[in-house]
Amino acid sequence: MPPSPVEGQLVLAQIYLDRGQMHAAFSMIEVAARSGHAQALNMLGRAYERGWGVTPNPLVAIQYFEMAARQNYGWAFFNLADLYMSGHGPPRDVGRAYGLYVRAAQAGVAKALNMIGLLHEDKSPKGLFVAREYYRAAAEAGDCWGALNMARLALQDGNISMAQEFFQKTLETGFDACFLDMKKLLAFMPAPYGAELIARTDQRLRKQS
């Protein structure tokens, strides 16, 4: 079944973004968003958040994210949560960010599970237990950051076999930013496991460059 006109416009917008043609991308996203399509509204919010072909304006970004969120679009909840978490635009509000990450997770955004885990993680046994549960759920849903955080905690506990398992999951699901953080952790993996995983991580980085 061919894509809808809006889906086609968003595909073209992504191509323009990948090529660095930000003004062309913004124009295409803006046209697509006129339909009220949730993904297009969210993408227009991202354009205003990141300055893709337009002057960055996080408060305008929030307006578009909220419009998409009213359609229960998971990434809109996530992007709103990130803005409230960072305080970039709206005042920092960790409690509100937490609630929005929960809404994003309920809408199927695996990365939100990892963020909830981070907000639970502290030095207490209870906090670490809850954080692990969220990281594991994120990893099982295919989020590389959840897998990486599971590997980090396993490494801290001295559980090398579990660390290997979740570093492997990170390699399977990750991308450059995740791999670069993974390399920092692998410096603490004992031989020969660390060297082997670093070599495989470098290989993945070369493939994606």
C-alpha atoms as a PDB file:
ATOM      1  CA  MET A   1       0.000   0.000   0.000  1.00  0.00           C
ATOM      2  CA  PRO A   2       1.559   3.352  -1.017  1.00  0.00           C
ATOM      3  CA  PRO A   3       2.287   5.903   1.735  1.00  0.00           C
ATOM      4  CA  SER A   4      -0.171   8.693   2.379  1.00  0.00           C
ATOM      5  CA  PRO A   5       0.744  12.201   1.123  1.00  0.00           C
ATOM      6  CA  VAL A   6       1.748  13.218   4.657  1.00  0.00           C
ATOM      7  CA  GLU A   7       3.933  10.115   5.110  1.00  0.00           C
ATOM      8  CA  GLY A   8       5.578  10.847   1.762  1.00  0.00           C
ATOM      9  CA  GLN A   9       6.249  14.441   2.809  1.00  0.00           C
ATOM     10  CA  LEU A  10       7.856  13.255   6.051  1.00  0.00           C
ATOM     11  CA  VAL A  11      10.061  10.791   4.166  1.00  0.00           C
ATOM     12  CA  LEU A  12      11.245  13.626   1.918  1.00  0.00           C
ATOM     13  CA  ALA A  13      11.785  15.851   4.949  1.00  0.00           C
ATOM     14  CA  GLN A  14      13.999  13.193   6.530  1.00  0.00           C
ATOM     15  CA  ILE A  15      16.004  12.883   3.312  1.00  0.00           C
ATOM     16  CA  TYR A  16      16.555  16.648   3.331  1.00  0.00           C
ATOM     17  CA  LEU A  17      17.614  16.500   6.996  1.00  0.00           C
ATOM     18  CA  ASP A  18      20.085  13.707   6.257  1.00  0.00           C
ATOM     19  CA  ARG A  19      21.553  15.828   3.451  1.00  0.00           C
ATOM     20  CA  GLY A  20      21.808  18.895   5.677  1.00  0.00           C
ATOM     21  CA  GLN A  21      19.221  20.798   3.622  1.00  0.00           C
ATOM     22  CA  MET A  22      17.504  22.208   6.693  1.00  0.00           C
ATOM     23  CA  HIS A  23      15.363  24.907   5.078  1.00  0.00           C
ATOM     24  CA  ALA A  24      13.948  22.465   2.542  1.00  0.00           C
ATOM     25  CA  ALA A  25      13.281  19.983   5.353  1.00  0.00           C
ATOM     26  CA  PHE A  26      11.488  22.599   7.449  1.00  0.00           C
ATOM     27  CA  SER A  27       9.277  23.636   4.546  1.00  0.00           C
ATOM     28  CA  MET A  28       8.264  20.021   3.935  1.00  0.00           C
ATOM     29  CA  ILE A  29       7.595  19.353   7.631  1.00  0.00           C
ATOM     30  CA  GLU A  30       5.524  22.536   7.921  1.00  0.00           C
ATOM     31  CA  VAL A  31       3.354  21.513   4.976  1.00  0.00           C
ATOM     32  CA  ALA A  32       2.863  18.008   6.401  1.00  0.00           C
ATOM     33  CA  ALA A  33       1.907  19.385   9.827  1.00  0.00           C
ATOM     34  CA  ARG A  34      -0.977  21.400   8.367  1.00  0.00           C
ATOM     35  CA  SER A  35      -2.861  18.110   8.116  1.00  0.00           C
ATOM     36  CA  GLY A  36      -2.835  17.740  11.916  1.00  0.00           C
ATOM     37  CA  HIS A  37      -0.990  14.420  11.561  1.00  0.00           C
ATOM     38  CA  ALA A  38       0.564  13.563  14.950  1.00  0.00           C
ATOM     39  CA  GLN A  39       3.964  12.503  13.613  1.00  0.00           C
ATOM     40  CA  ALA A  40       4.203  15.624  11.474  1.00  0.00           C
ATOM     41  CA  LEU A  41       3.267  17.864  14.420  1.00  0.00           C
ATOM     42  CA  ASN A  42       5.886  16.155  16.555  1.00  0.00           C
ATOM     43  CA  MET A  43       8.492  16.570  13.828  1.00  0.00           C
ATOM     44  CA  LEU A  44       7.629  20.266  13.517  1.00  0.00           C
ATOM     45  CA  GLY A  45       8.140  20.527  17.269  1.00  0.00           C
ATOM     46  CA  ARG A  46      11.560  18.940  16.839  1.00  0.00           C
ATOM     47  CA  ALA A  47      12.374  21.458  14.109  1.00  0.00           C
ATOM     48  CA  TYR A  48      11.636  24.339  16.475  1.00  0.00           C
ATOM     49  CA  GLU A  49      13.458  22.598  19.322  1.00  0.00           C
ATOM     50  CA  ARG A  50      16.597  21.860  17.281  1.00  0.00           C
ATOM     51  CA  GLY A  51      16.542  24.776  14.831  1.00  0.00           C
ATOM     52  CA  TRP A  52      16.083  22.725  11.680  1.00  0.00           C
ATOM     53  CA  GLY A  53      15.773  25.501   9.094  1.00  0.00           C
ATOM     54  CA  VAL A  54      14.101  27.850  11.590  1.00  0.00           C
ATOM     55  CA  THR A  55      15.151  29.924  14.610  1.00  0.00           C
ATOM     56  CA  PRO A  56      15.130  27.602  17.651  1.00  0.00           C
ATOM     57  CA  ASN A  57      12.165  28.258  19.930  1.00  0.00           C
ATOM     58  CA  PRO A  58      11.502  25.604  22.596  1.00  0.00           C
ATOM     59  CA  LEU A  59       8.257  27.275  23.678  1.00  0.00           C
ATOM     60  CA  VAL A  60       6.848  26.960  20.159  1.00  0.00           C
ATOM     61  CA  ALA A  61       8.181  23.390  20.098  1.00  0.00           C
ATOM     62  CA  ILE A  62       6.137  22.638  23.219  1.00  0.00           C
ATOM     63  CA  GLN A  63       2.965  23.811  21.499  1.00  0.00           C
ATOM     64  CA  TYR A  64       3.451  21.334  18.646  1.00  0.00           C
ATOM     65  CA  PHE A  65       4.492  18.505  20.969  1.00  0.00           C
ATOM     66  CA  GLU A  66       1.354  19.087  23.030  1.00  0.00           C
ATOM     67  CA  MET A  67      -0.812  18.975  19.885  1.00  0.00           C
ATOM     68  CA  ALA A  68       0.745  15.630  18.947  1.00  0.00           C
ATOM     69  CA  ALA A  69       0.484  14.356  22.534  1.00  0.00           C
ATOM     70  CA  ARG A  70      -3.266  15.001  22.495  1.00  0.00           C
ATOM     71  CA  GLN A  71      -3.355  12.271  19.846  1.00  0.00           C
ATOM     72  CA  ASN A  72      -1.422   9.973  22.227  1.00  0.00           C
ATOM     73  CA  TYR A  73       1.719  10.117  20.086  1.00  0.00           C
ATOM     74  CA  GLY A  74       4.421   8.567  22.262  1.00  0.00           C
ATOM     75  CA  TRP A  75       7.420  10.529  21.008  1.00  0.00           C
ATOM     76  CA  ALA A  76       5.596  13.800  21.680  1.00  0.00           C
ATOM     77  CA  PHE A  77       5.313  12.839  25.367  1.00  0.00           C
ATOM     78  CA  PHE A  78       8.989  11.885  25.336  1.00  0.00           C
ATOM     79  CA  ASN A  79      10.120  15.142  23.731  1.00  0.00           C
ATOM     80  CA  LEU A  80       8.026  17.178  26.165  1.00  0.00           C
ATOM     81  CA  ALA A  81       9.576  15.227  29.034  1.00  0.00           C
ATOM     82  CA  ASP A  82      13.084  15.984  27.762  1.00  0.00           C
ATOM     83  CA  LEU A  83      12.333  19.719  27.648  1.00  0.00           C
ATOM     84  CA  TYR A  84      10.966  19.763  31.203  1.00  0.00           C
ATOM     85  CA  MET A  85      13.870  17.604  32.348  1.00  0.00           C
ATOM     86  CA  SER A  86      16.486  19.931  30.874  1.00  0.00           C
ATOM     87  CA  GLY A  87      14.738  23.205  31.672  1.00  0.00           C
ATOM     88  CA  HIS A  88      15.563  24.315  28.128  1.00  0.00           C
ATOM     89  CA  GLY A  89      12.622  26.624  27.485  1.00  0.00           C
ATOM     90  CA  PRO A  90      10.170  25.808  30.262  1.00  0.00           C
ATOM     91  CA  PRO A  91      11.310  25.848  33.904  1.00  0.00           C
ATOM     92  CA  ARG A  92      12.903  22.549  34.943  1.00  0.00           C
ATOM     93  CA  ASP A  93      10.253  20.270  36.423  1.00  0.00           C
ATOM     94  CA  VAL A  94      11.497  16.746  37.128  1.00  0.00           C
ATOM     95  CA  GLY A  95       8.136  15.577  38.475  1.00  0.00           C
ATOM     96  CA  ARG A  96       6.342  16.667  35.318  1.00  0.00           C
ATOM     97  CA  ALA A  97       9.065  15.119  33.167  1.00  0.00           C
ATOM     98  CA  TYR A  98       8.672  11.825  35.035  1.00  0.00           C
ATOM     99  CA  GLY A  99       4.930  11.754  34.377  1.00  0.00           C
ATOM    100  CA  LEU A 100       5.484  12.461  30.690  1.00  0.00           C
ATOM    101  CA  TYR A 101       8.109   9.707  30.409  1.00  0.00           C
ATOM    102  CA  VAL A 102       5.532   7.342  31.920  1.00  0.00           C
ATOM    103  CA  ARG A 103       2.989   8.427  29.284  1.00  0.00           C
ATOM    104  CA  ALA A 104       5.607   7.902  26.565  1.00  0.00           C
ATOM    105  CA  ALA A 105       6.417   4.411  27.882  1.00  0.00           C
ATOM    106  CA  GLN A 106       2.704   3.550  27.985  1.00  0.00           C
ATOM    107  CA  ALA A 107       2.490   4.630  24.339  1.00  0.00           C
ATOM    108  CA  GLY A 108       5.312   2.238  23.413  1.00  0.00           C
ATOM    109  CA  VAL A 109       8.485   4.365  23.495  1.00  0.00           C
ATOM    110  CA  ALA A 110      11.147   2.020  24.888  1.00  0.00           C
ATOM    111  CA  LYS A 111      13.651   4.833  25.425  1.00  0.00           C
ATOM    112  CA  ALA A 112      11.273   6.324  28.014  1.00  0.00           C
ATOM    113  CA  LEU A 113      11.695   3.211  30.166  1.00  0.00           C
ATOM    114  CA  ASN A 114      15.418   3.922  30.332  1.00  0.00           C
ATOM    115  CA  MET A 115      14.773   7.515  31.382  1.00  0.00           C
ATOM    116  CA  ILE A 116      12.413   6.381  34.146  1.00  0.00           C
ATOM    117  CA  GLY A 117      15.169   4.039  35.324  1.00  0.00           C
ATOM    118  CA  LEU A 118      17.649   6.920  35.457  1.00  0.00           C
ATOM    119  CA  LEU A 119      15.230   8.951  37.554  1.00  0.00           C
ATOM    120  CA  HIS A 120      14.901   6.060  40.017  1.00  0.00           C
ATOM    121  CA  GLU A 121      18.603   5.290  40.252  1.00  0.00           C
ATOM    122  CA  ASP A 122      20.282   6.377  43.450  1.00  0.00           C
ATOM    123  CA  LYS A 123      22.586   4.785  45.995  1.00  0.00           C
ATOM    124  CA  SER A 124      19.781   3.034  47.874  1.00  0.00           C
ATOM    125  CA  PRO A 125      19.134  -0.692  47.283  1.00  0.00           C
ATOM    126  CA  LYS A 126      15.471   0.058  46.502  1.00  0.00           C
ATOM    127  CA  GLY A 127      16.342   2.746  43.962  1.00  0.00           C
ATOM    128  CA  LEU A 128      18.846   0.503  42.199  1.00  0.00           C
ATOM    129  CA  PHE A 129      16.388  -2.397  42.149  1.00  0.00           C
ATOM    130  CA  VAL A 130      13.664  -0.292  40.522  1.00  0.00           C
ATOM    131  CA  ALA A 131      16.146   1.262  38.076  1.00  0.00           C
ATOM    132  CA  ARG A 132      17.319  -2.195  37.000  1.00  0.00           C
ATOM    133  CA  GLU A 133      13.748  -3.291  36.323  1.00  0.00           C
ATOM    134  CA  TYR A 134      13.208  -0.336  34.007  1.00  0.00           C
ATOM    135  CA  TYR A 135      16.595  -0.702  32.305  1.00  0.00           C
ATOM    136  CA  ARG A 136      15.920  -4.388  31.690  1.00  0.00           C
ATOM    137  CA  ALA A 137      12.467  -3.615  30.250  1.00  0.00           C
ATOM    138  CA  ALA A 138      13.995  -0.959  27.990  1.00  0.00           C
ATOM    139  CA  ALA A 139      16.727  -3.347  26.816  1.00  0.00           C
ATOM    140  CA  GLU A 140      14.215  -6.119  26.108  1.00  0.00           C
ATOM    141  CA  ALA A 141      12.162  -3.629  24.073  1.00  0.00           C
ATOM    142  CA  GLY A 142      15.232  -2.862  21.924  1.00  0.00           C
ATOM    143  CA  ASP A 143      16.578   0.312  23.529  1.00  0.00           C
ATOM    144  CA  CYS A 144      20.378   0.447  23.451  1.00  0.00           C
ATOM    145  CA  TRP A 145      20.601   2.863  26.400  1.00  0.00           C
ATOM    146  CA  GLY A 146      18.664   0.506  28.622  1.00  0.00           C
ATOM    147  CA  ALA A 147      21.003  -2.318  27.601  1.00  0.00           C
ATOM    148  CA  LEU A 148      24.045  -0.131  28.244  1.00  0.00           C
ATOM    149  CA  ASN A 149      22.820   0.846  31.708  1.00  0.00           C
ATOM    150  CA  MET A 150      22.183  -2.811  32.548  1.00  0.00           C
ATOM    151  CA  ALA A 151      25.765  -3.570  31.451  1.00  0.00           C
ATOM    152  CA  ARG A 152      27.088  -0.667  33.544  1.00  0.00           C
ATOM    153  CA  LEU A 153      25.354  -1.860  36.724  1.00  0.00           C
ATOM    154  CA  ALA A 154      26.413  -5.467  36.105  1.00  0.00           C
ATOM    155  CA  LEU A 155      30.010  -4.299  35.674  1.00  0.00           C
ATOM    156  CA  GLN A 156      29.802  -2.339  38.943  1.00  0.00           C
ATOM    157  CA  ASP A 157      28.534  -5.496  40.659  1.00  0.00           C
ATOM    158  CA  GLY A 158      31.385  -7.558  39.217  1.00  0.00           C
ATOM    159  CA  ASN A 159      28.925  -9.696  37.232  1.00  0.00           C
ATOM    160  CA  ILE A 160      31.044 -10.007  34.083  1.00  0.00           C
ATOM    161  CA  SER A 161      28.834 -12.549  32.313  1.00  0.00           C
ATOM    162  CA  MET A 162      25.773 -10.289  32.676  1.00  0.00           C
ATOM    163  CA  ALA A 163      27.796  -7.277  31.579  1.00  0.00           C
ATOM    164  CA  GLN A 164      28.853  -9.198  28.455  1.00  0.00           C
ATOM    165  CA  GLU A 165      25.228 -10.120  27.741  1.00  0.00           C
ATOM    166  CA  PHE A 166      24.045  -6.516  27.844  1.00  0.00           C
ATOM    167  CA  PHE A 167      27.060  -5.090  26.039  1.00  0.00           C
ATOM    168  CA  GLN A 168      26.158  -7.556  23.278  1.00  0.00           C
ATOM    169  CA  LYS A 169      22.575  -6.240  23.268  1.00  0.00           C
ATOM    170  CA  THR A 170      23.971  -2.713  23.010  1.00  0.00           C
ATOM    171  CA  LEU A 171      25.989  -3.731  19.951  1.00  0.00           C
ATOM    172  CA  GLU A 172      22.891  -5.250  18.358  1.00  0.00           C
ATOM    173  CA  THR A 173      20.601  -2.265  18.909  1.00  0.00           C
ATOM    174  CA  GLY A 174      22.869   0.770  19.225  1.00  0.00           C
ATOM    175  CA  PHE A 175      24.220   3.619  17.152  1.00  0.00           C
ATOM    176  CA  ASP A 176      27.290   5.868  17.272  1.00  0.00           C
ATOM    177  CA  ALA A 177      26.511   7.875  20.437  1.00  0.00           C
ATOM    178  CA  CYS A 178      25.660   4.710  22.332  1.00  0.00           C
ATOM    179  CA  PHE A 179      28.780   2.911  21.071  1.00  0.00           C
ATOM    180  CA  LEU A 180      31.047   5.806  22.115  1.00  0.00           C
ATOM    181  CA  ASP A 181      29.669   5.672  25.670  1.00  0.00           C
ATOM    182  CA  MET A 182      30.022   1.896  25.610  1.00  0.00           C
ATOM    183  CA  LYS A 183      33.733   2.184  24.797  1.00  0.00           C
ATOM    184  CA  LYS A 184      34.265   4.272  27.951  1.00  0.00           C
ATOM    185  CA  LEU A 185      32.729   1.518  30.080  1.00  0.00           C
ATOM    186  CA  LEU A 186      34.635  -1.247  28.301  1.00  0.00           C
ATOM    187  CA  ALA A 187      37.887   0.203  29.629  1.00  0.00           C
ATOM    188  CA  PHE A 188      36.848  -1.327  32.961  1.00  0.00           C
ATOM    189  CA  MET A 189      36.088  -4.793  31.558  1.00  0.00           C
ATOM    190  CA  PRO A 190      38.730  -7.374  32.474  1.00  0.00           C
ATOM    191  CA  ALA A 191      40.837  -9.052  29.778  1.00  0.00           C
ATOM    192  CA  PRO A 192      40.213 -10.609  27.376  1.00  0.00           C
ATOM    193  CA  TYR A 193      36.541  -9.558  27.275  1.00  0.00           C
ATOM    194  CA  GLY A 194      37.118  -5.799  27.164  1.00  0.00           C
ATOM    195  CA  ALA A 195      39.567  -5.848  24.250  1.00  0.00           C
ATOM    196  CA  GLU A 196      37.311  -8.127  22.211  1.00  0.00           C
ATOM    197  CA  LEU A 197      34.234  -5.971  22.779  1.00  0.00           C
ATOM    198  CA  ILE A 198      36.162  -2.772  22.035  1.00  0.00           C
ATOM    199  CA  ALA A 199      37.262  -4.256  18.692  1.00  0.00           C
ATOM    200  CA  ARG A 200      33.662  -5.176  17.834  1.00  0.00           C
ATOM    201  CA  THR A 201      32.457  -1.730  18.898  1.00  0.00           C
ATOM    202  CA  ASP A 202      35.067  -0.064  16.674  1.00  0.00           C
ATOM    203  CA  GLN A 203      33.871  -2.248  13.814  1.00  0.00           C
ATOM    204  CA  ARG A 204      30.279  -1.069  14.317  1.00  0.00           C
ATOM    205  CA  LEU A 205      31.433   2.545  14.453  1.00  0.00           C
ATOM    206  CA  ARG A 206      33.266   2.151  11.146  1.00  0.00           C
ATOM    207  CA  LYS A 207      30.187   0.613   9.533  1.00  0.00           C
ATOM    208  CA  GLN A 208      28.016   3.544  10.582  1.00  0.00           C
ATOM    209  CA  SER A 209      30.503   6.268   9.648  1.00  0.00           C
END
